[in-house]
Protein backbone atom coordinates (compact mmCIF):
# COMPACT_ATOMS: atom_id res chain seq x y z
CA MET A 1 167.31 -66.18 -52.25
CA LYS A 2 167.52 -69.00 -49.77
CA LEU A 3 167.55 -67.93 -46.14
CA ASN A 4 170.03 -69.95 -44.12
CA HIS A 5 169.90 -70.59 -40.39
CA VAL A 6 172.25 -67.73 -39.51
CA MET A 7 170.27 -65.23 -41.60
CA CYS A 8 167.03 -66.33 -39.93
CA GLU A 9 168.55 -66.07 -36.45
CA GLU A 10 169.89 -62.58 -37.15
CA ALA A 11 166.59 -61.37 -38.60
CA PHE A 12 164.62 -62.76 -35.65
CA LYS A 13 167.08 -61.30 -33.16
CA ALA A 14 166.61 -57.83 -34.67
CA LEU A 15 162.84 -57.88 -34.10
CA ASN A 16 161.27 -56.19 -31.08
CA ILE A 17 159.80 -58.40 -28.36
CA GLU A 18 156.18 -57.67 -29.27
CA THR A 19 156.73 -58.81 -32.86
CA LYS A 20 158.50 -61.94 -31.62
CA ARG A 21 155.59 -62.77 -29.32
CA TRP A 22 153.05 -62.50 -32.16
CA MET A 23 155.24 -64.60 -34.44
CA ILE A 24 155.50 -67.28 -31.77
CA CYS A 25 151.71 -67.22 -31.32
CA ILE A 26 151.37 -67.76 -35.06
CA ALA A 27 153.91 -70.60 -34.95
CA PHE A 28 152.00 -72.33 -32.13
CA GLU A 29 148.73 -71.93 -34.05
CA LEU A 30 150.38 -73.35 -37.17
CA GLN A 31 151.56 -76.38 -35.20
CA ASN A 32 148.14 -76.94 -33.60
CA ALA A 33 146.29 -76.57 -36.90
CA THR A 34 148.66 -78.95 -38.67
CA GLU A 35 148.19 -81.57 -35.96
CA LYS A 36 144.40 -81.15 -35.96
CA HIS A 37 144.07 -81.01 -39.77
CA PRO A 38 147.15 -82.75 -41.23
CA ASN A 39 145.86 -82.79 -44.80
CA TRP A 40 146.32 -79.62 -46.80
CA PRO A 41 144.79 -79.29 -50.27
CA ASN A 42 147.15 -79.59 -53.23
CA ASP A 43 144.84 -77.35 -55.24
CA LYS A 44 146.11 -73.79 -54.83
CA ILE A 45 142.60 -72.33 -55.15
CA HIS A 46 141.29 -74.37 -52.23
CA ALA A 47 144.44 -73.68 -50.23
CA ALA A 48 144.07 -69.93 -50.83
CA ALA A 49 140.39 -70.19 -49.91
CA ILE A 50 141.40 -71.43 -46.46
CA VAL A 51 143.56 -68.34 -45.99
CA GLY A 52 140.72 -66.19 -47.32
CA GLU A 53 138.24 -67.79 -44.95
CA GLU A 54 140.43 -66.95 -41.96
CA SER A 55 140.89 -63.42 -43.28
CA GLY A 56 137.12 -63.08 -43.58
CA GLU A 57 136.71 -64.21 -39.99
CA LEU A 58 139.24 -61.55 -38.95
CA LEU A 59 137.23 -58.91 -40.80
CA ARG A 60 134.01 -60.12 -39.18
CA SER A 61 135.57 -59.96 -35.70
CA ALA A 62 136.83 -56.43 -36.40
CA ILE A 63 133.36 -55.34 -37.49
CA GLN A 64 131.86 -56.93 -34.39
CA PHE A 65 134.43 -55.20 -32.20
CA GLN A 66 133.95 -51.82 -33.84
CA LEU A 67 130.18 -51.79 -34.25
CA GLU A 68 128.72 -54.43 -31.96
CA LYS A 69 130.85 -54.30 -28.81
CA GLY A 70 132.71 -57.47 -29.78
CA ARG A 71 135.79 -58.72 -27.98
CA TYR A 72 139.24 -57.41 -28.81
CA TYR A 73 140.58 -60.89 -28.10
CA GLU A 74 138.58 -62.34 -31.02
CA MET A 75 140.46 -60.09 -33.45
CA HIS A 76 143.77 -61.32 -32.03
CA GLN A 77 142.74 -64.95 -32.42
CA GLU A 78 141.54 -64.48 -35.98
CA ALA A 79 144.68 -62.54 -36.95
CA ILE A 80 146.85 -65.33 -35.51
CA GLN A 81 144.85 -67.96 -37.41
CA THR A 82 145.09 -65.96 -40.64
CA GLY A 83 148.87 -65.67 -40.24
CA ALA A 84 149.21 -69.38 -39.51
CA MET A 85 147.20 -70.35 -42.58
CA ALA A 86 149.17 -67.92 -44.76
CA ILE A 87 152.38 -69.60 -43.61
CA ARG A 88 150.86 -73.03 -44.16
CA PHE A 89 149.93 -71.95 -47.69
CA LEU A 90 153.55 -70.91 -48.32
CA LEU A 91 154.97 -74.10 -46.81
CA ASN A 92 152.80 -76.21 -49.08
CA ALA A 93 153.64 -74.27 -52.24
CA PRO A 94 157.33 -75.14 -52.74
CA GLU A 95 157.40 -73.73 -56.26
CA LEU A 96 156.90 -70.27 -54.78
CA LYS A 97 160.24 -68.60 -54.21
CA ILE A 98 161.16 -66.43 -51.26
CA PRO A 99 161.51 -62.93 -52.74
CA LYS A 100 164.82 -61.12 -52.58
CA ARG A 101 165.03 -58.63 -49.77
CA LYS A 102 164.98 -55.00 -50.85
CA LYS A 103 167.76 -52.88 -49.44
């Protein structure tokens, strides 16, 4: 299923403001990361490893927050970076199809 502009606008409009804010944070991070590191690996294993690395950093920050009096903000940053890299992975894997929405 290909999502057209109208479908995307309607879906985004239906989201609550908090979800929209996080999505925009992820979009900004995606833009910054793409500008800073324009080359993305063609190899899907290395591309997935980047997403996994960010996910690992999120886990580490959660452990530090929970057990070592870490900063809540660090978890936010790592979650945003993980989301941005997951989207970058999807953008650079055109053979992957957007799944049909379940009703």
